[in-house]
Structure formats: C-alpha cells, structure tokens
Amino acid sequence: MINIYLGNHQLALKYLKNTEGNIYNILVLTGDFNIRDSNWDSLYSHHLAYSDILMEIADSLELGLSSPVHQLPTQYVDNVNNYYSVIDLMFL
C-alpha cells in the first residue's frame, strides 16, 4: 500500500515516476494528490500533465482509478475559496 500527499511542487509524484520500476506488489495507491483534473472532477474543466503522469504510474503498477459508488465531499472547509484544494484519489 502506498499513501501519497503531494504538495505544490509535486515532489512525491516525481519520486514515484523515477522509482516506479523498483516498486512491486502494490495493491492500493491512495492519497491527497492535489491534482485537479476533469478526469475525476466534473466541476473542473481543465486537464493537467500531472494527471497524465499519475495515470501512467498507476498503469505501470497495474492499478486502476477507483470510482466511489456515492459521490460525497472528501473535504469540509470553512473557506469556500479552498474547497477544491485537495483531491483524494484511490487506485486499486
């Protein structure tokens, strides 16, 4: 199991990309990826290169993006300007 938190500079994503060939037997990749993308956020109309890298990493680990049965908020904040600052994703 890999749990990731990605900050503003995507250092964890870059590390995963550079070491993906040395990672084996992963069943779950989950975390706060901080990558907004139209692929998993219908309220966001843009597509980012970081999301392509994340999907390539998941594919190399033979993992697929898991979709929840019921769409619920994953973060509750008191500042509406930061409402979509964290994107929780899970790959199985």
PDB file of N, CA and C in Angstrom:
ATOM      1  N   MET A   1       0.844  -1.169   0.000  1.00  0.00           N
ATOM      2  CA  MET A   1       0.000   0.000   0.000  1.00  0.00           C
ATOM      3  C   MET A   1       0.886   1.228   0.000  1.00  0.00           C
ATOM      4  N   ILE A   2       0.543   2.188  -0.866  1.00  0.00           N
ATOM      5  CA  ILE A   2       1.265   3.451  -0.918  1.00  0.00           C
ATOM      6  C   ILE A   2       0.263   4.562  -0.631  1.00  0.00           C
ATOM      7  N   ASN A   3       0.595   5.426   0.314  1.00  0.00           N
ATOM      8  CA  ASN A   3      -0.219   6.596   0.612  1.00  0.00           C
ATOM      9  C   ASN A   3       0.606   7.830   0.289  1.00  0.00           C
ATOM     10  N   ILE A   4       0.054   8.737  -0.491  1.00  0.00           N
ATOM     11  CA  ILE A   4       0.793   9.882  -1.004  1.00  0.00           C
ATOM     12  C   ILE A   4       0.134  11.180  -0.568  1.00  0.00           C
ATOM     13  N   TYR A   5       0.957  12.154  -0.209  1.00  0.00           N
ATOM     14  CA  TYR A   5       0.498  13.534  -0.109  1.00  0.00           C
ATOM     15  C   TYR A   5       1.399  14.343  -1.025  1.00  0.00           C
ATOM     16  N   LEU A   6       0.798  15.026  -1.976  1.00  0.00           N
ATOM     17  CA  LEU A   6       1.573  15.844  -2.903  1.00  0.00           C
ATOM     18  C   LEU A   6       1.403  17.311  -2.564  1.00  0.00           C
ATOM     19  N   GLY A   7       2.501  17.980  -2.358  1.00  0.00           N
ATOM     20  CA  GLY A   7       2.478  19.418  -2.129  1.00  0.00           C
ATOM     21  C   GLY A   7       2.458  20.176  -3.446  1.00  0.00           C
ATOM     22  N   ASN A   8       2.736  21.448  -3.366  1.00  0.00           N
ATOM     23  CA  ASN A   8       2.652  22.313  -4.542  1.00  0.00           C
ATOM     24  C   ASN A   8       3.662  21.976  -5.635  1.00  0.00           C
ATOM     25  N   HIS A   9       4.784  21.386  -5.297  1.00  0.00           N
ATOM     26  CA  HIS A   9       5.833  21.136  -6.287  1.00  0.00           C
ATOM     27  C   HIS A   9       5.823  19.718  -6.840  1.00  0.00           C
ATOM     28  N   GLN A  10       4.857  18.905  -6.441  1.00  0.00           N
ATOM     29  CA  GLN A  10       4.672  17.552  -6.967  1.00  0.00           C
ATOM     30  C   GLN A  10       5.908  16.670  -6.783  1.00  0.00           C
ATOM     31  N   LEU A  11       6.677  16.875  -5.708  1.00  0.00           N
ATOM     32  CA  LEU A  11       7.902  16.110  -5.493  1.00  0.00           C
ATOM     33  C   LEU A  11       7.622  14.619  -5.306  1.00  0.00           C
ATOM     34  N   ALA A  12       6.544  14.265  -4.608  1.00  0.00           N
ATOM     35  CA  ALA A  12       6.229  12.848  -4.416  1.00  0.00           C
ATOM     36  C   ALA A  12       5.870  12.187  -5.733  1.00  0.00           C
ATOM     37  N   LEU A  13       5.170  12.904  -6.604  1.00  0.00           N
ATOM     38  CA  LEU A  13       4.829  12.364  -7.927  1.00  0.00           C
ATOM     39  C   LEU A  13       6.094  12.144  -8.753  1.00  0.00           C
ATOM     40  N   LYS A  14       7.007  13.081  -8.714  1.00  0.00           N
ATOM     41  CA  LYS A  14       8.276  12.949  -9.436  1.00  0.00           C
ATOM     42  C   LYS A  14       9.089  11.779  -8.888  1.00  0.00           C
ATOM     43  N   TYR A  15       9.098  11.613  -7.562  1.00  0.00           N
ATOM     44  CA  TYR A  15       9.808  10.486  -6.958  1.00  0.00           C
ATOM     45  C   TYR A  15       9.194   9.165  -7.412  1.00  0.00           C
ATOM     46  N   LEU A  16       7.872   9.060  -7.378  1.00  0.00           N
ATOM     47  CA  LEU A  16       7.203   7.836  -7.833  1.00  0.00           C
ATOM     48  C   LEU A  16       7.541   7.534  -9.290  1.00  0.00           C
ATOM     49  N   LYS A  17       7.519   8.556 -10.130  1.00  0.00           N
ATOM     50  CA  LYS A  17       7.824   8.373 -11.557  1.00  0.00           C
ATOM     51  C   LYS A  17       9.242   7.844 -11.740  1.00  0.00           C
ATOM     52  N   ASN A  18      10.180   8.349 -10.958  1.00  0.00           N
ATOM     53  CA  ASN A  18      11.578   7.937 -11.085  1.00  0.00           C
ATOM     54  C   ASN A  18      11.860   6.561 -10.502  1.00  0.00           C
ATOM     55  N   THR A  19      10.998   6.071  -9.598  1.00  0.00           N
ATOM     56  CA  THR A  19      11.253   4.789  -8.934  1.00  0.00           C
ATOM     57  C   THR A  19      10.215   3.719  -9.257  1.00  0.00           C
ATOM     58  N   GLU A  20       9.260   4.015 -10.167  1.00  0.00           N
ATOM     59  CA  GLU A  20       8.167   3.072 -10.405  1.00  0.00           C
ATOM     60  C   GLU A  20       8.653   1.693 -10.841  1.00  0.00           C
ATOM     61  N   GLY A  21       9.787   1.611 -11.508  1.00  0.00           N
ATOM     62  CA  GLY A  21      10.318   0.317 -11.938  1.00  0.00           C
ATOM     63  C   GLY A  21      10.809  -0.538 -10.788  1.00  0.00           C
ATOM     64  N   ASN A  22      11.008   0.063  -9.621  1.00  0.00           N
ATOM     65  CA  ASN A  22      11.506  -0.658  -8.451  1.00  0.00           C
ATOM     66  C   ASN A  22      10.415  -0.934  -7.420  1.00  0.00           C
ATOM     67  N   ILE A  23       9.173  -0.653  -7.758  1.00  0.00           N
ATOM     68  CA  ILE A  23       8.058  -0.855  -6.837  1.00  0.00           C
ATOM     69  C   ILE A  23       7.251  -2.057  -7.317  1.00  0.00           C
ATOM     70  N   TYR A  24       7.037  -3.025  -6.436  1.00  0.00           N
ATOM     71  CA  TYR A  24       6.351  -4.259  -6.823  1.00  0.00           C
ATOM     72  C   TYR A  24       5.217  -4.572  -5.844  1.00  0.00           C
ATOM     73  N   ASN A  25       4.265  -5.361  -6.326  1.00  0.00           N
ATOM     74  CA  ASN A  25       3.193  -5.918  -5.498  1.00  0.00           C
ATOM     75  C   ASN A  25       2.368  -4.869  -4.760  1.00  0.00           C
ATOM     76  N   ILE A  26       2.059  -3.783  -5.418  1.00  0.00           N
ATOM     77  CA  ILE A  26       1.232  -2.743  -4.816  1.00  0.00           C
ATOM     78  C   ILE A  26      -0.234  -3.074  -5.091  1.00  0.00           C
ATOM     79  N   LEU A  27      -1.036  -3.084  -4.047  1.00  0.00           N
ATOM     80  CA  LEU A  27      -2.465  -3.343  -4.177  1.00  0.00           C
ATOM     81  C   LEU A  27      -3.290  -2.066  -4.136  1.00  0.00           C
ATOM     82  N   VAL A  28      -2.803  -1.058  -3.399  1.00  0.00           N
ATOM     83  CA  VAL A  28      -3.549   0.178  -3.211  1.00  0.00           C
ATOM     84  C   VAL A  28      -2.590   1.369  -3.282  1.00  0.00           C
ATOM     85  N   LEU A  29      -2.956   2.363  -4.055  1.00  0.00           N
ATOM     86  CA  LEU A  29      -2.257   3.642  -4.106  1.00  0.00           C
ATOM     87  C   LEU A  29      -3.316   4.697  -3.820  1.00  0.00           C
ATOM     88  N   THR A  30      -3.142   5.426  -2.743  1.00  0.00           N
ATOM     89  CA  THR A  30      -4.169   6.386  -2.339  1.00  0.00           C
ATOM     90  C   THR A  30      -3.519   7.629  -1.780  1.00  0.00           C
ATOM     91  N   GLY A  31      -4.281   8.709  -1.715  1.00  0.00           N
ATOM     92  CA  GLY A  31      -3.746   9.889  -1.073  1.00  0.00           C
ATOM     93  C   GLY A  31      -4.390  11.181  -1.496  1.00  0.00           C
ATOM     94  N   ASP A  32      -3.824  12.251  -0.973  1.00  0.00           N
ATOM     95  CA  ASP A  32      -4.218  13.609  -1.327  1.00  0.00           C
ATOM     96  C   ASP A  32      -3.246  14.084  -2.395  1.00  0.00           C
ATOM     97  N   PHE A  33      -3.651  13.935  -3.640  1.00  0.00           N
ATOM     98  CA  PHE A  33      -2.734  14.179  -4.748  1.00  0.00           C
ATOM     99  C   PHE A  33      -2.650  15.647  -5.153  1.00  0.00           C
ATOM    100  N   ASN A  34      -3.631  16.454  -4.733  1.00  0.00           N
ATOM    101  CA  ASN A  34      -3.642  17.873  -5.096  1.00  0.00           C
ATOM    102  C   ASN A  34      -3.493  18.094  -6.593  1.00  0.00           C
ATOM    103  N   ILE A  35      -4.113  17.242  -7.374  1.00  0.00           N
ATOM    104  CA  ILE A  35      -4.113  17.381  -8.823  1.00  0.00           C
ATOM    105  C   ILE A  35      -5.570  17.449  -9.273  1.00  0.00           C
ATOM    106  N   ARG A  36      -6.019  18.649  -9.547  1.00  0.00           N
ATOM    107  CA  ARG A  36      -7.383  18.791 -10.066  1.00  0.00           C
ATOM    108  C   ARG A  36      -7.357  18.466 -11.543  1.00  0.00           C
ATOM    109  N   ASP A  37      -8.352  17.727 -11.988  1.00  0.00           N
ATOM    110  CA  ASP A  37      -8.426  17.353 -13.398  1.00  0.00           C
ATOM    111  C   ASP A  37      -9.857  16.993 -13.752  1.00  0.00           C
ATOM    112  N   SER A  38     -10.222  17.264 -14.968  1.00  0.00           N
ATOM    113  CA  SER A  38     -11.576  16.949 -15.433  1.00  0.00           C
ATOM    114  C   SER A  38     -11.838  15.452 -15.468  1.00  0.00           C
ATOM    115  N   ASN A  39     -10.790  14.626 -15.454  1.00  0.00           N
ATOM    116  CA  ASN A  39     -10.978  13.166 -15.454  1.00  0.00           C
ATOM    117  C   ASN A  39     -11.672  12.677 -14.195  1.00  0.00           C
ATOM    118  N   TRP A  40     -11.471  13.343 -13.066  1.00  0.00           N
ATOM    119  CA  TRP A  40     -12.096  12.893 -11.820  1.00  0.00           C
ATOM    120  C   TRP A  40     -12.839  14.011 -11.086  1.00  0.00           C
ATOM    121  N   ASP A  41     -12.868  15.187 -11.641  1.00  0.00           N
ATOM    122  CA  ASP A  41     -13.621  16.289 -11.041  1.00  0.00           C
ATOM    123  C   ASP A  41     -14.474  16.942 -12.120  1.00  0.00           C
ATOM    124  N   SER A  42     -15.741  16.595 -12.155  1.00  0.00           N
ATOM    125  CA  SER A  42     -16.632  17.088 -13.213  1.00  0.00           C
ATOM    126  C   SER A  42     -16.855  18.600 -13.130  1.00  0.00           C
ATOM    127  N   LEU A  43     -16.535  19.223 -12.001  1.00  0.00           N
ATOM    128  CA  LEU A  43     -16.692  20.665 -11.858  1.00  0.00           C
ATOM    129  C   LEU A  43     -15.466  21.435 -12.335  1.00  0.00           C
ATOM    130  N   TYR A  44     -14.441  20.723 -12.756  1.00  0.00           N
ATOM    131  CA  TYR A  44     -13.196  21.340 -13.199  1.00  0.00           C
ATOM    132  C   TYR A  44     -13.033  21.046 -14.681  1.00  0.00           C
ATOM    133  N   SER A  45     -12.838  22.067 -15.488  1.00  0.00           N
ATOM    134  CA  SER A  45     -12.858  21.868 -16.944  1.00  0.00           C
ATOM    135  C   SER A  45     -11.481  21.713 -17.581  1.00  0.00           C
ATOM    136  N   HIS A  46     -10.428  21.634 -16.788  1.00  0.00           N
ATOM    137  CA  HIS A  46      -9.075  21.581 -17.351  1.00  0.00           C
ATOM    138  C   HIS A  46      -8.444  20.197 -17.186  1.00  0.00           C
ATOM    139  N   HIS A  47      -7.448  19.941 -18.028  1.00  0.00           N
ATOM    140  CA  HIS A  47      -6.674  18.698 -17.963  1.00  0.00           C
ATOM    141  C   HIS A  47      -5.212  19.080 -17.781  1.00  0.00           C
ATOM    142  N   LEU A  48      -4.535  18.448 -16.812  1.00  0.00           N
ATOM    143  CA  LEU A  48      -3.153  18.788 -16.492  1.00  0.00           C
ATOM    144  C   LEU A  48      -2.201  17.641 -16.835  1.00  0.00           C
ATOM    145  N   ALA A  49      -0.971  17.990 -17.166  1.00  0.00           N
ATOM    146  CA  ALA A  49       0.046  16.978 -17.462  1.00  0.00           C
ATOM    147  C   ALA A  49       0.339  16.115 -16.241  1.00  0.00           C
ATOM    148  N   TYR A  50       0.232  16.688 -15.029  1.00  0.00           N
ATOM    149  CA  TYR A  50       0.474  15.900 -13.818  1.00  0.00           C
ATOM    150  C   TYR A  50      -0.495  14.729 -13.702  1.00  0.00           C
ATOM    151  N   SER A  51      -1.723  14.927 -14.147  1.00  0.00           N
ATOM    152  CA  SER A  51      -2.686  13.821 -14.075  1.00  0.00           C
ATOM    153  C   SER A  51      -2.289  12.699 -15.033  1.00  0.00           C
ATOM    154  N   ASP A  52      -1.709  13.046 -16.188  1.00  0.00           N
ATOM    155  CA  ASP A  52      -1.214  12.015 -17.111  1.00  0.00           C
ATOM    156  C   ASP A  52      -0.089  11.217 -16.472  1.00  0.00           C
ATOM    157  N   ILE A  53       0.815  11.907 -15.783  1.00  0.00           N
ATOM    158  CA  ILE A  53       1.920  11.215 -15.106  1.00  0.00           C
ATOM    159  C   ILE A  53       1.373  10.283 -14.035  1.00  0.00           C
ATOM    160  N   LEU A  54       0.407  10.771 -13.254  1.00  0.00           N
ATOM    161  CA  LEU A  54      -0.192   9.940 -12.215  1.00  0.00           C
ATOM    162  C   LEU A  54      -0.856   8.701 -12.817  1.00  0.00           C
ATOM    163  N   MET A  55      -1.587   8.867 -13.900  1.00  0.00           N
ATOM    164  CA  MET A  55      -2.244   7.725 -14.534  1.00  0.00           C
ATOM    165  C   MET A  55      -1.222   6.750 -15.127  1.00  0.00           C
ATOM    166  N   GLU A  56      -0.112   7.256 -15.665  1.00  0.00           N
ATOM    167  CA  GLU A  56       0.954   6.389 -16.179  1.00  0.00           C
ATOM    168  C   GLU A  56       1.576   5.568 -15.053  1.00  0.00           C
ATOM    169  N   ILE A  57       1.805   6.190 -13.918  1.00  0.00           N
ATOM    170  CA  ILE A  57       2.361   5.487 -12.763  1.00  0.00           C
ATOM    171  C   ILE A  57       1.397   4.395 -12.308  1.00  0.00           C
ATOM    172  N   ALA A  58       0.125   4.739 -12.166  1.00  0.00           N
ATOM    173  CA  ALA A  58      -0.879   3.751 -11.755  1.00  0.00           C
ATOM    174  C   ALA A  58      -0.941   2.600 -12.743  1.00  0.00           C
ATOM    175  N   ASP A  59      -0.900   2.911 -14.028  1.00  0.00           N
ATOM    176  CA  ASP A  59      -0.937   1.870 -15.056  1.00  0.00           C
ATOM    177  C   ASP A  59       0.291   0.971 -14.978  1.00  0.00           C
ATOM    178  N   SER A  60       1.464   1.556 -14.731  1.00  0.00           N
ATOM    179  CA  SER A  60       2.683   0.742 -14.632  1.00  0.00           C
ATOM    180  C   SER A  60       2.640  -0.186 -13.423  1.00  0.00           C
ATOM    181  N   LEU A  61       1.875   0.197 -12.398  1.00  0.00           N
ATOM    182  CA  LEU A  61       1.710  -0.633 -11.210  1.00  0.00           C
ATOM    183  C   LEU A  61       0.510  -1.560 -11.337  1.00  0.00           C
ATOM    184  N   GLU A  62      -0.112  -1.550 -12.524  1.00  0.00           N
ATOM    185  CA  GLU A  62      -1.299  -2.355 -12.827  1.00  0.00           C
ATOM    186  C   GLU A  62      -2.454  -2.020 -11.888  1.00  0.00           C
ATOM    187  N   LEU A  63      -2.630  -0.716 -11.634  1.00  0.00           N
ATOM    188  CA  LEU A  63      -3.704  -0.226 -10.786  1.00  0.00           C
ATOM    189  C   LEU A  63      -4.640   0.640 -11.619  1.00  0.00           C
ATOM    190  N   GLY A  64      -5.908   0.646 -11.265  1.00  0.00           N
ATOM    191  CA  GLY A  64      -6.881   1.485 -11.945  1.00  0.00           C
ATOM    192  C   GLY A  64      -7.539   2.430 -10.967  1.00  0.00           C
ATOM    193  N   LEU A  65      -7.974   3.562 -11.475  1.00  0.00           N
ATOM    194  CA  LEU A  65      -8.643   4.567 -10.650  1.00  0.00           C
ATOM    195  C   LEU A  65      -9.972   4.020 -10.168  1.00  0.00           C
ATOM    196  N   SER A  66     -10.168   4.043  -8.875  1.00  0.00           N
ATOM    197  CA  SER A  66     -11.406   3.570  -8.270  1.00  0.00           C
ATOM    198  C   SER A  66     -12.397   4.720  -8.214  1.00  0.00           C
ATOM    199  N   SER A  67     -13.637   4.445  -8.567  1.00  0.00           N
ATOM    200  CA  SER A  67     -14.688   5.467  -8.506  1.00  0.00           C
ATOM    201  C   SER A  67     -15.661   5.120  -7.403  1.00  0.00           C
ATOM    202  N   PRO A  68     -15.992   6.085  -6.555  1.00  0.00           N
ATOM    203  CA  PRO A  68     -16.926   5.800  -5.470  1.00  0.00           C
ATOM    204  C   PRO A  68     -18.330   5.531  -5.996  1.00  0.00           C
ATOM    205  N   VAL A  69     -19.061   4.713  -5.266  1.00  0.00           N
ATOM    206  CA  VAL A  69     -20.442   4.421  -5.629  1.00  0.00           C
ATOM    207  C   VAL A  69     -21.304   5.654  -5.390  1.00  0.00           C
ATOM    208  N   HIS A  70     -21.059   6.352  -4.299  1.00  0.00           N
ATOM    209  CA  HIS A  70     -21.785   7.568  -3.957  1.00  0.00           C
ATOM    210  C   HIS A  70     -20.797   8.728  -3.907  1.00  0.00           C
ATOM    211  N   GLN A  71     -21.040   9.747  -4.711  1.00  0.00           N
ATOM    212  CA  GLN A  71     -20.162  10.915  -4.721  1.00  0.00           C
ATOM    213  C   GLN A  71     -20.441  11.776  -3.495  1.00  0.00           C
ATOM    214  N   LEU A  72     -19.472  11.865  -2.604  1.00  0.00           N
ATOM    215  CA  LEU A  72     -19.575  12.682  -1.401  1.00  0.00           C
ATOM    216  C   LEU A  72     -18.342  13.564  -1.301  1.00  0.00           C
ATOM    217  N   PRO A  73     -18.458  14.718  -0.671  1.00  0.00           N
ATOM    218  CA  PRO A  73     -17.260  15.542  -0.474  1.00  0.00           C
ATOM    219  C   PRO A  73     -16.222  14.790   0.343  1.00  0.00           C
ATOM    220  N   THR A  74     -14.955  14.981   0.004  1.00  0.00           N
ATOM    221  CA  THR A  74     -13.874  14.356   0.764  1.00  0.00           C
ATOM    222  C   THR A  74     -13.205  15.356   1.692  1.00  0.00           C
ATOM    223  N   GLN A  75     -13.646  16.609   1.633  1.00  0.00           N
ATOM    224  CA  GLN A  75     -13.054  17.633   2.468  1.00  0.00           C
ATOM    225  C   GLN A  75     -14.142  18.638   2.833  1.00  0.00           C
ATOM    226  N   TYR A  76     -14.166  19.028   4.077  1.00  0.00           N
ATOM    227  CA  TYR A  76     -15.084  20.053   4.548  1.00  0.00           C
ATOM    228  C   TYR A  76     -14.259  21.201   5.092  1.00  0.00           C
ATOM    229  N   VAL A  77     -14.422  22.382   4.511  1.00  0.00           N
ATOM    230  CA  VAL A  77     -13.611  23.521   4.921  1.00  0.00           C
ATOM    231  C   VAL A  77     -14.501  24.713   5.242  1.00  0.00           C
ATOM    232  N   ASP A  78     -13.929  25.652   5.981  1.00  0.00           N
ATOM    233  CA  ASP A  78     -14.680  26.853   6.316  1.00  0.00           C
ATOM    234  C   ASP A  78     -14.387  28.006   5.366  1.00  0.00           C
ATOM    235  N   ASN A  79     -13.496  27.803   4.409  1.00  0.00           N
ATOM    236  CA  ASN A  79     -13.162  28.822   3.417  1.00  0.00           C
ATOM    237  C   ASN A  79     -13.537  28.291   2.034  1.00  0.00           C
ATOM    238  N   VAL A  80     -14.575  28.835   1.426  1.00  0.00           N
ATOM    239  CA  VAL A  80     -15.052  28.309   0.141  1.00  0.00           C
ATOM    240  C   VAL A  80     -14.030  28.477  -0.976  1.00  0.00           C
ATOM    241  N   ASN A  81     -13.067  29.383  -0.822  1.00  0.00           N
ATOM    242  CA  ASN A  81     -12.024  29.555  -1.834  1.00  0.00           C
ATOM    243  C   ASN A  81     -11.059  28.377  -1.863  1.00  0.00           C
ATOM    244  N   ASN A  82     -10.972  27.613  -0.774  1.00  0.00           N
ATOM    245  CA  ASN A  82     -10.075  26.461  -0.701  1.00  0.00           C
ATOM    246  C   ASN A  82     -10.814  25.139  -0.830  1.00  0.00           C
ATOM    247  N   TYR A  83     -12.069  25.162  -1.196  1.00  0.00           N
ATOM    248  CA  TYR A  83     -12.902  23.959  -1.172  1.00  0.00           C
ATOM    249  C   TYR A  83     -12.327  22.822  -2.007  1.00  0.00           C
ATOM    250  N   TYR A  84     -11.761  23.139  -3.162  1.00  0.00           N
ATOM    251  CA  TYR A  84     -11.252  22.080  -4.041  1.00  0.00           C
ATOM    252  C   TYR A  84      -9.740  21.985  -4.013  1.00  0.00           C
ATOM    253  N   SER A  85      -9.114  22.339  -2.901  1.00  0.00           N
ATOM    254  CA  SER A  85      -7.665  22.349  -2.847  1.00  0.00           C
ATOM    255  C   SER A  85      -7.064  20.955  -2.701  1.00  0.00           C
ATOM    256  N   VAL A  86      -7.827  19.984  -2.232  1.00  0.00           N
ATOM    257  CA  VAL A  86      -7.310  18.633  -2.049  1.00  0.00           C
ATOM    258  C   VAL A  86      -8.189  17.645  -2.820  1.00  0.00           C
ATOM    259  N   ILE A  87      -7.568  16.817  -3.617  1.00  0.00           N
ATOM    260  CA  ILE A  87      -8.291  15.797  -4.357  1.00  0.00           C
ATOM    261  C   ILE A  87      -7.855  14.449  -3.810  1.00  0.00           C
ATOM    262  N   ASP A  88      -8.776  13.706  -3.213  1.00  0.00           N
ATOM    263  CA  ASP A  88      -8.495  12.369  -2.687  1.00  0.00           C
ATOM    264  C   ASP A  88      -8.796  11.357  -3.774  1.00  0.00           C
ATOM    265  N   LEU A  89      -7.826  10.542  -4.098  1.00  0.00           N
ATOM    266  CA  LEU A  89      -7.984   9.529  -5.131  1.00  0.00           C
ATOM    267  C   LEU A  89      -7.505   8.181  -4.594  1.00  0.00           C
ATOM    268  N   MET A  90      -8.058   7.109  -5.147  1.00  0.00           N
ATOM    269  CA  MET A  90      -7.630   5.768  -4.777  1.00  0.00           C
ATOM    270  C   MET A  90      -7.507   4.918  -6.041  1.00  0.00           C
ATOM    271  N   PHE A  91      -6.399   4.235  -6.153  1.00  0.00           N
ATOM    272  CA  PHE A  91      -6.150   3.313  -7.263  1.00  0.00           C
ATOM    273  C   PHE A  91      -6.075   1.905  -6.673  1.00  0.00           C
ATOM    274  N   LEU A  92      -6.796   0.980  -7.274  1.00  0.00           N
ATOM    275  CA  LEU A  92      -6.795  -0.411  -6.822  1.00  0.00           C
ATOM    276  C   LEU A  92      -6.340  -1.320  -7.945  1.00  0.00           C
TER     277      LEU A  92
END
